[in-house]
Amino acid sequence: AERERITASGEVELVQGGRRLRADRLVYRRDTGQVEASGEVTLREGDDLLRCRRMVVNLRTQRGTVWDGDLFLAREHLHVRGKRLERLGPGCYRIVEGRVTTCDATPPPWEFRARQLELTPEGRGVVRHGTFRVLGVPVVYVPYFSYPARQERKSGLLFPRFGSSSTEGFRLKEGLYLAPAPNYDATLWVDHRGRRGTGVALEGRWLWGEGRKGKLYAYYIEESADYRYQRRLDRERRRWSLEYEGEHRFSETCFLRATANLSSDRQFYGDYGERWGERCQESALTAAFLSKRWEMAALCLEARRLEDLRREDDTTLQRLPRLRVDWALPGGWALLEMRGAYDRFWRREGPRGHRLLLEPTLSLIHISEPTRPRLISYAVFCLK
């Protein structure tokens, strides 16, 4: 049995495939594949790194126990520390009296601490009887919490948002994140706003190939009949908003871009805006832009609707639509360009109109040197 046992001390190094183990003292049993290392112990496997005070591990089964361990998992970019770490198999760990974070700083800005942590081969972390800490201060106690430890997106419940205000009372917002495919995802929200009511929201993002992308956010709430405003204005009980931003490239020379900001009433963003800029915005823009280019010409079609959120104003002038055409005809000694634009101006109340603009431009070219053309004169004629 002694011949199957190898003992070494000093700066010991054991290499097996992609694993490299270093320790002050090491005992290796050839018959079972078990290694016991102590002192300053480091184990590197690929980009993963483990530091500990003592380790007992079986190199054949990859199962073992580590005491006072500090583990970095590169694929998940995860820092794990624990009083005792048990490796139950490839990529599977159980940590007793441990802490976990994705932050590289020491001390980390945030971390989970728990009596027991688990990491699964599928890249999921499980916290049991833990606390979420910010700058070392416990913020939330979680009896049980499961989260994706890897950087890849995973479907599941998001961390809830909660708060309180004098106008709404207690607020709780909980989201369900859905990632059915790498190129699109969605989030379903339930937004409880105390005395005001409970709303629902849908948020989606997608990317279809090169140049086809977009995002959408829709919100709906039916406010409580008991909720009162100091000034009702044009608010109704059923309130909603729709925000959209997208781009579709048909080819390298043709694309469509659109944005939309629609709401049930002018006060919606002031009442339900998540950011300060949303609550204070004075207008909402909805627009679509289509562009097509040829070798010597270009066409642009645009429609814009601007809503004044400060007051009810049916006199705001809208551009529905605007058409612009640019065309050029080069010659040996001259360049003829034609720029044309048509605008239709519309509003609910007040004068409406049309505008046609034509700008033919003739440029004469004089060659003063064989390799350097120089523009010496031009004439511009405008017709409106």
Protein backbone atom coordinates (compact mmCIF):
# COMPACT_ATOMS: atom_id res chain seq x y z
CA ALA A 1 0.00 0.00 0.00
CA GLU A 2 2.91 2.32 0.71
CA ARG A 3 4.13 1.84 -2.86
CA GLU A 4 0.79 3.19 -4.11
CA ARG A 5 1.21 6.30 -1.97
CA ILE A 6 3.40 9.24 -3.06
CA THR A 7 4.19 12.05 -0.61
CA ALA A 8 5.91 15.30 -1.58
CA SER A 9 6.54 18.62 0.17
CA GLY A 10 7.92 22.02 -0.79
CA GLU A 11 6.79 23.66 -4.03
CA VAL A 12 4.92 20.61 -5.31
CA GLU A 13 3.29 20.59 -8.74
CA LEU A 14 0.99 17.93 -10.17
CA VAL A 15 -0.09 18.10 -13.84
CA GLN A 16 -2.88 16.03 -15.37
CA GLY A 17 -4.07 17.03 -18.84
CA GLY A 18 -5.32 20.61 -18.57
CA ARG A 19 -5.19 20.61 -14.74
CA ARG A 20 -2.25 22.03 -12.82
CA LEU A 21 -2.18 21.61 -9.02
CA ARG A 22 0.37 23.36 -6.79
CA ALA A 23 0.70 22.98 -3.02
CA ASP A 24 3.15 23.09 -0.11
CA ARG A 25 2.46 19.44 0.71
CA LEU A 26 0.79 16.76 -1.41
CA VAL A 27 -0.17 13.13 -0.92
CA TYR A 28 -1.21 11.13 -4.03
CA ARG A 29 -2.63 7.60 -4.05
CA ARG A 30 -2.10 5.95 -7.42
CA ASP A 31 -4.55 3.12 -6.76
CA THR A 32 -7.58 5.39 -6.11
CA GLY A 33 -6.53 8.65 -7.82
CA GLN A 34 -7.10 10.59 -4.61
CA VAL A 35 -5.04 13.69 -3.88
CA GLU A 36 -4.74 15.51 -0.56
CA ALA A 37 -3.08 18.93 -0.77
CA SER A 38 -2.44 21.44 2.01
CA GLY A 39 -0.70 24.76 2.62
CA GLU A 40 -0.89 27.34 -0.16
CA VAL A 41 -2.97 25.34 -2.65
CA THR A 42 -3.90 26.47 -6.16
CA LEU A 43 -5.68 24.44 -8.82
CA ARG A 44 -5.94 25.79 -12.36
CA GLU A 45 -8.17 24.10 -14.93
CA GLY A 46 -8.35 26.06 -18.16
CA ASP A 47 -9.25 29.61 -17.13
CA ASP A 48 -10.85 28.50 -13.83
CA LEU A 49 -8.78 29.07 -10.69
CA LEU A 50 -9.20 27.67 -7.16
CA ARG A 51 -7.23 28.79 -4.10
CA CYS A 52 -7.63 27.13 -0.73
CA ARG A 53 -5.99 26.02 2.52
CA ARG A 54 -6.70 22.28 2.19
CA MET A 55 -8.09 20.04 -0.52
CA VAL A 56 -9.07 16.40 -0.88
CA VAL A 57 -10.08 15.48 -4.43
CA ASN A 58 -10.30 12.40 -6.63
CA LEU A 59 -8.77 13.11 -10.02
CA ARG A 60 -10.69 10.27 -11.66
CA THR A 61 -14.21 11.15 -10.49
CA GLN A 62 -13.52 14.90 -10.11
CA ARG A 63 -15.28 14.83 -6.74
CA GLY A 64 -13.77 16.33 -3.62
CA THR A 65 -13.87 18.83 -0.78
CA VAL A 66 -12.08 22.15 -0.29
CA TRP A 67 -11.69 24.10 2.95
CA ASP A 68 -11.46 27.91 3.06
CA GLY A 69 -11.73 28.07 -0.71
CA ASP A 70 -11.78 30.94 -3.20
CA LEU A 71 -13.03 29.85 -6.62
CA PHE A 72 -13.19 31.83 -9.88
CA LEU A 73 -15.27 30.35 -12.73
CA ALA A 74 -14.24 32.11 -15.95
CA ARG A 75 -17.15 31.06 -18.16
CA GLU A 76 -19.70 32.37 -15.69
CA HIS A 77 -17.35 35.16 -14.50
CA LEU A 78 -18.26 34.15 -10.97
CA HIS A 79 -16.31 34.60 -7.73
CA VAL A 80 -17.24 32.03 -5.07
CA ARG A 81 -15.85 31.90 -1.52
CA GLY A 82 -16.79 29.48 1.21
CA LYS A 83 -15.81 27.81 4.44
CA ARG A 84 -16.24 24.47 2.70
CA LEU A 85 -16.66 23.78 -1.03
CA GLU A 86 -17.77 20.36 -2.21
CA ARG A 87 -17.28 19.44 -5.85
CA LEU A 88 -19.96 16.89 -6.68
CA GLY A 89 -18.91 16.48 -10.31
CA PRO A 90 -17.91 18.52 -13.39
CA GLY A 91 -19.37 22.00 -12.96
CA CYS A 92 -21.40 21.04 -9.87
CA TYR A 93 -20.58 22.57 -6.47
CA ARG A 94 -22.08 22.85 -3.00
CA ILE A 95 -20.77 25.71 -0.84
CA VAL A 96 -21.29 25.93 2.92
CA GLU A 97 -21.16 29.36 4.61
CA GLY A 98 -20.40 30.92 1.25
CA ARG A 99 -20.62 34.10 -0.75
CA VAL A 100 -20.95 34.67 -4.51
CA THR A 101 -20.64 37.69 -6.82
CA THR A 102 -19.73 38.61 -10.40
CA CYS A 103 -17.74 41.69 -9.32
CA ASP A 104 -13.94 41.68 -9.52
CA ALA A 105 -13.43 44.44 -6.93
CA THR A 106 -12.35 43.68 -3.35
CA PRO A 107 -14.55 44.11 -1.41
CA PRO A 108 -17.28 43.62 -4.03
CA PRO A 109 -20.02 46.27 -4.40
CA TRP A 110 -22.64 43.51 -4.10
CA GLU A 111 -22.78 39.82 -3.22
CA PHE A 112 -24.99 37.01 -1.98
CA ARG A 113 -24.10 35.38 1.34
CA ALA A 114 -25.81 32.18 2.38
CA ARG A 115 -25.62 29.15 4.63
CA GLN A 116 -25.62 27.03 1.52
CA LEU A 117 -25.01 27.77 -2.16
CA GLU A 118 -25.30 25.39 -5.10
CA LEU A 119 -23.95 25.66 -8.64
CA THR A 120 -25.27 23.24 -11.25
CA PRO A 121 -23.65 22.07 -14.52
CA GLU A 122 -26.41 23.93 -16.39
CA GLY A 123 -25.04 27.18 -15.00
CA ARG A 124 -27.77 27.83 -12.42
CA GLY A 125 -27.06 29.05 -8.91
CA VAL A 126 -29.27 28.31 -5.91
CA VAL A 127 -29.15 30.33 -2.67
CA ARG A 128 -30.63 28.90 0.53
CA HIS A 129 -31.12 31.05 3.63
CA GLY A 130 -29.10 33.93 2.24
CA THR A 131 -28.88 37.71 2.21
CA PHE A 132 -28.29 40.10 -0.65
CA ARG A 133 -25.70 42.66 0.42
CA VAL A 134 -24.65 46.02 -0.99
CA LEU A 135 -21.26 47.30 0.18
CA GLY A 136 -21.37 44.66 2.90
CA VAL A 137 -24.74 45.80 4.28
CA PRO A 138 -27.61 43.23 4.25
CA VAL A 139 -30.48 44.54 2.13
CA VAL A 140 -32.83 41.58 1.52
CA TYR A 141 -33.19 38.19 3.17
CA VAL A 142 -33.97 35.34 0.76
CA PRO A 143 -34.91 31.91 2.13
CA TYR A 144 -34.60 30.46 -1.38
CA PHE A 145 -33.40 32.07 -4.59
CA SER A 146 -32.44 30.61 -7.98
CA TYR A 147 -30.61 32.61 -10.64
CA PRO A 148 -28.62 31.99 -13.87
CA ALA A 149 -24.92 32.08 -12.98
CA ARG A 150 -23.74 32.04 -16.59
CA GLN A 151 -23.65 35.06 -18.84
CA GLU A 152 -26.09 33.44 -21.29
CA ARG A 153 -29.65 34.68 -21.00
CA LYS A 154 -32.12 32.48 -19.12
CA SER A 155 -35.87 32.69 -18.70
CA GLY A 156 -37.13 33.28 -15.18
CA LEU A 157 -38.42 35.74 -12.59
CA LEU A 158 -36.54 39.01 -12.22
CA PHE A 159 -35.60 40.58 -8.92
CA PRO A 160 -38.66 42.59 -7.78
CA ARG A 161 -38.68 46.37 -7.56
CA PHE A 162 -40.49 47.91 -4.64
CA GLY A 163 -40.95 51.28 -2.99
CA SER A 164 -43.45 53.68 -1.48
CA SER A 165 -44.72 57.20 -2.17
CA SER A 166 -47.20 59.62 -0.67
CA THR A 167 -49.33 59.68 -3.84
CA GLU A 168 -49.53 55.94 -4.61
CA GLY A 169 -48.68 54.11 -1.41
CA PHE A 170 -46.76 50.83 -1.57
CA ARG A 171 -45.45 49.83 -5.00
CA LEU A 172 -44.25 46.42 -6.21
CA LYS A 173 -43.15 45.60 -9.77
CA GLU A 174 -42.35 41.99 -10.69
CA GLY A 175 -41.19 40.76 -14.08
CA LEU A 176 -41.01 37.44 -15.90
CA TYR A 177 -38.14 37.36 -18.39
CA LEU A 178 -38.51 35.09 -21.44
CA ALA A 179 -35.57 34.21 -23.71
CA PRO A 180 -36.87 31.63 -26.20
CA ALA A 181 -34.12 32.35 -28.78
CA PRO A 182 -30.77 34.17 -28.96
CA ASN A 183 -32.12 36.87 -31.29
CA TYR A 184 -35.27 37.93 -29.42
CA ASP A 185 -36.60 38.11 -25.87
CA ALA A 186 -39.51 39.56 -23.90
CA THR A 187 -40.41 40.65 -20.38
CA LEU A 188 -43.89 40.52 -18.84
CA TRP A 189 -44.42 42.94 -15.95
CA VAL A 190 -47.03 43.18 -13.20
CA ASP A 191 -46.96 46.66 -11.67
CA HIS A 192 -48.88 47.13 -8.41
CA ARG A 193 -49.17 50.82 -7.49
CA GLY A 194 -51.02 50.76 -4.18
CA ARG A 195 -54.03 53.08 -4.18
CA ARG A 196 -53.79 53.76 -7.93
CA GLY A 197 -54.28 50.17 -9.13
CA THR A 198 -52.39 47.32 -10.81
CA GLY A 199 -51.00 47.58 -14.32
CA VAL A 200 -49.46 45.14 -16.77
CA ALA A 201 -46.69 45.72 -19.30
CA LEU A 202 -45.02 43.90 -22.18
CA GLU A 203 -41.47 44.64 -23.28
CA GLY A 204 -39.90 42.97 -26.32
CA ARG A 205 -36.64 43.16 -28.30
CA TRP A 206 -35.68 41.40 -31.52
CA LEU A 207 -32.92 41.18 -34.10
CA TRP A 208 -33.74 39.51 -37.41
CA GLY A 209 -30.54 39.19 -39.40
CA GLU A 210 -28.42 42.14 -40.47
CA GLY A 211 -30.14 45.51 -40.10
CA ARG A 212 -33.55 44.32 -38.92
CA LYS A 213 -34.05 45.14 -35.27
CA GLY A 214 -36.58 46.72 -32.96
CA LYS A 215 -37.94 47.09 -29.45
CA LEU A 216 -41.45 47.56 -28.09
CA TYR A 217 -42.91 48.58 -24.73
CA ALA A 218 -46.65 48.57 -24.01
CA TYR A 219 -48.33 49.43 -20.69
CA TYR A 220 -51.96 49.25 -19.55
CA ILE A 221 -53.68 50.04 -16.26
CA GLU A 222 -57.27 50.51 -15.15
CA GLU A 223 -57.06 52.90 -12.24
CA SER A 224 -59.08 52.45 -9.09
CA ALA A 225 -62.35 54.33 -9.02
CA ASP A 226 -61.46 55.65 -5.55
CA TYR A 227 -58.22 57.26 -6.70
CA ARG A 228 -58.46 61.05 -6.98
CA TYR A 229 -56.34 63.67 -8.73
CA GLN A 230 -56.20 67.33 -7.77
CA ARG A 231 -56.95 68.12 -11.42
CA ARG A 232 -58.45 65.36 -13.55
CA LEU A 233 -57.75 67.10 -16.90
CA ASP A 234 -58.15 64.55 -19.76
CA ARG A 235 -57.26 61.46 -17.69
CA GLU A 236 -59.56 58.43 -17.99
CA ARG A 237 -59.62 55.32 -15.80
CA ARG A 238 -58.24 53.12 -18.59
CA ARG A 239 -54.78 54.43 -19.39
CA TRP A 240 -52.10 53.05 -21.70
CA SER A 241 -48.93 53.83 -23.59
CA LEU A 242 -47.11 52.34 -26.58
CA GLU A 243 -43.45 52.93 -27.40
CA TYR A 244 -41.75 51.48 -30.46
CA GLU A 245 -38.38 51.88 -32.15
CA GLY A 246 -37.28 49.82 -35.12
CA GLU A 247 -35.24 49.62 -38.29
CA HIS A 248 -35.57 47.39 -41.33
CA ARG A 249 -32.89 47.31 -44.03
CA PHE A 250 -34.24 45.90 -47.27
CA SER A 251 -30.82 46.20 -48.95
CA GLU A 252 -27.62 48.21 -48.68
CA THR A 253 -29.32 51.13 -50.40
CA CYS A 254 -32.84 51.00 -48.93
CA PHE A 255 -34.04 51.09 -45.32
CA LEU A 256 -37.07 51.97 -43.21
CA ARG A 257 -36.78 53.49 -39.73
CA ALA A 258 -39.68 54.23 -37.39
CA THR A 259 -40.34 55.43 -33.86
CA ALA A 260 -43.64 55.76 -31.99
CA ASN A 261 -44.62 57.35 -28.67
CA LEU A 262 -48.38 57.08 -28.15
CA SER A 263 -50.42 57.37 -24.97
CA SER A 264 -54.02 57.54 -23.81
CA ASP A 265 -53.67 61.12 -22.50
CA ARG A 266 -51.19 63.98 -22.16
CA GLN A 267 -50.62 63.37 -18.44
CA PHE A 268 -49.60 59.72 -18.79
CA TYR A 269 -45.82 60.21 -18.90
CA GLY A 270 -45.93 62.62 -15.96
CA ASP A 271 -47.88 60.09 -13.87
CA TYR A 272 -46.19 56.83 -14.94
CA GLY A 273 -42.75 57.79 -16.30
CA GLU A 274 -39.97 55.68 -14.78
CA ARG A 275 -37.25 58.27 -15.37
CA TRP A 276 -37.09 61.97 -14.65
CA GLY A 277 -36.75 62.82 -18.34
CA GLU A 278 -39.97 60.96 -19.15
CA ARG A 279 -41.96 62.70 -16.41
CA CYS A 280 -40.82 66.14 -17.58
CA GLN A 281 -41.00 65.72 -21.36
CA GLU A 282 -43.03 68.36 -23.16
CA SER A 283 -43.77 66.52 -26.42
CA ALA A 284 -44.05 63.04 -27.90
CA LEU A 285 -42.80 62.25 -31.40
CA THR A 286 -44.05 59.56 -33.78
CA ALA A 287 -42.20 59.34 -37.10
CA ALA A 288 -41.37 57.04 -40.02
CA PHE A 289 -38.52 57.49 -42.48
CA LEU A 290 -37.96 55.61 -45.75
CA SER A 291 -34.77 56.09 -47.78
CA LYS A 292 -33.68 54.70 -51.13
CA ARG A 293 -30.42 55.45 -52.95
CA TRP A 294 -29.31 54.86 -56.53
CA GLU A 295 -26.00 55.64 -58.14
CA MET A 296 -26.95 59.20 -59.12
CA ALA A 297 -30.20 59.75 -57.19
CA ALA A 298 -31.80 59.46 -53.78
CA LEU A 299 -35.40 59.43 -52.51
CA CYS A 300 -36.55 60.12 -48.93
CA LEU A 301 -40.11 59.83 -47.61
CA GLU A 302 -40.88 60.99 -44.08
CA ALA A 303 -43.99 61.38 -41.91
CA ARG A 304 -43.91 63.11 -38.49
CA ARG A 305 -46.52 63.60 -35.79
CA LEU A 306 -45.60 65.78 -32.80
CA GLU A 307 -47.94 65.82 -29.80
CA ASP A 308 -47.80 68.73 -27.35
CA LEU A 309 -48.00 67.30 -23.81
CA ARG A 310 -48.15 70.66 -22.03
CA ARG A 311 -51.62 71.63 -23.17
CA GLU A 312 -54.43 70.54 -25.45
CA ASP A 313 -53.42 72.03 -28.77
CA ASP A 314 -55.08 71.10 -32.06
CA THR A 315 -53.12 73.78 -33.91
CA THR A 316 -49.73 72.00 -33.85
CA LEU A 317 -48.56 71.74 -37.44
CA GLN A 318 -47.77 68.20 -38.58
CA ARG A 319 -45.71 67.19 -41.59
CA LEU A 320 -47.72 64.40 -43.24
CA PRO A 321 -45.78 63.57 -45.34
CA ARG A 322 -42.51 65.02 -46.67
CA LEU A 323 -41.04 63.74 -49.93
CA ARG A 324 -37.54 64.68 -51.08
CA VAL A 325 -35.74 63.71 -54.30
CA ASP A 326 -32.09 64.40 -55.12
CA TRP A 327 -30.79 63.77 -58.64
CA ALA A 328 -27.50 64.52 -60.39
CA LEU A 329 -26.38 64.31 -64.02
CA PRO A 330 -22.61 64.73 -64.49
CA GLY A 331 -21.05 65.85 -67.78
CA GLY A 332 -17.56 66.36 -69.04
CA TRP A 333 -17.43 70.06 -68.08
CA ALA A 334 -20.65 70.56 -66.12
CA LEU A 335 -22.70 69.04 -63.32
CA LEU A 336 -26.49 69.38 -63.29
CA GLU A 337 -28.21 68.70 -59.94
CA MET A 338 -31.91 68.75 -59.13
CA ARG A 339 -33.27 68.83 -55.59
CA GLY A 340 -36.97 68.68 -55.03
CA ALA A 341 -39.15 68.50 -51.91
CA TYR A 342 -42.87 68.29 -51.29
CA ASP A 343 -44.47 68.90 -47.86
CA ARG A 344 -48.07 68.49 -46.79
CA PHE A 345 -48.81 70.44 -43.60
CA TRP A 346 -51.83 69.33 -41.59
CA ARG A 347 -53.47 70.09 -38.25
CA ARG A 348 -56.88 69.56 -36.70
CA GLU A 349 -57.67 73.28 -36.45
CA GLY A 350 -56.25 76.18 -38.39
CA PRO A 351 -54.80 76.72 -41.85
CA ARG A 352 -53.34 73.76 -43.73
CA GLY A 353 -51.20 73.80 -46.82
CA HIS A 354 -48.74 72.31 -49.29
CA ARG A 355 -45.24 73.32 -50.26
CA LEU A 356 -43.26 72.40 -53.38
CA LEU A 357 -39.59 73.28 -53.63
CA LEU A 358 -37.41 72.77 -56.72
CA GLU A 359 -33.72 73.65 -56.77
CA PRO A 360 -31.92 73.02 -60.07
CA THR A 361 -28.18 73.69 -59.81
CA LEU A 362 -25.73 73.96 -62.72
CA SER A 363 -22.02 73.81 -61.91
CA LEU A 364 -19.35 74.61 -64.50
CA ILE A 365 -15.96 72.96 -64.09
CA HIS A 366 -12.67 74.41 -65.32
CA ILE A 367 -9.54 72.24 -65.25
CA SER A 368 -6.57 74.42 -64.39
CA GLU A 369 -4.21 71.46 -63.96
CA PRO A 370 -4.38 68.05 -65.66
CA THR A 371 -4.99 66.20 -62.38
CA ARG A 372 -6.86 68.80 -60.31
CA PRO A 373 -10.40 69.91 -61.27
CA ARG A 374 -11.36 73.35 -59.93
CA LEU A 375 -14.89 74.74 -59.66
CA ILE A 376 -14.89 78.30 -60.95
CA SER A 377 -18.56 79.24 -61.23
CA TYR A 378 -22.07 78.03 -60.64
CA ALA A 379 -25.65 79.18 -61.05
CA VAL A 380 -28.65 78.32 -58.87
CA PHE A 381 -32.28 78.64 -59.93
CA CYS A 382 -35.04 78.06 -57.37
CA LEU A 383 -38.73 77.57 -58.05
CA LYS A 384 -41.14 77.50 -55.09
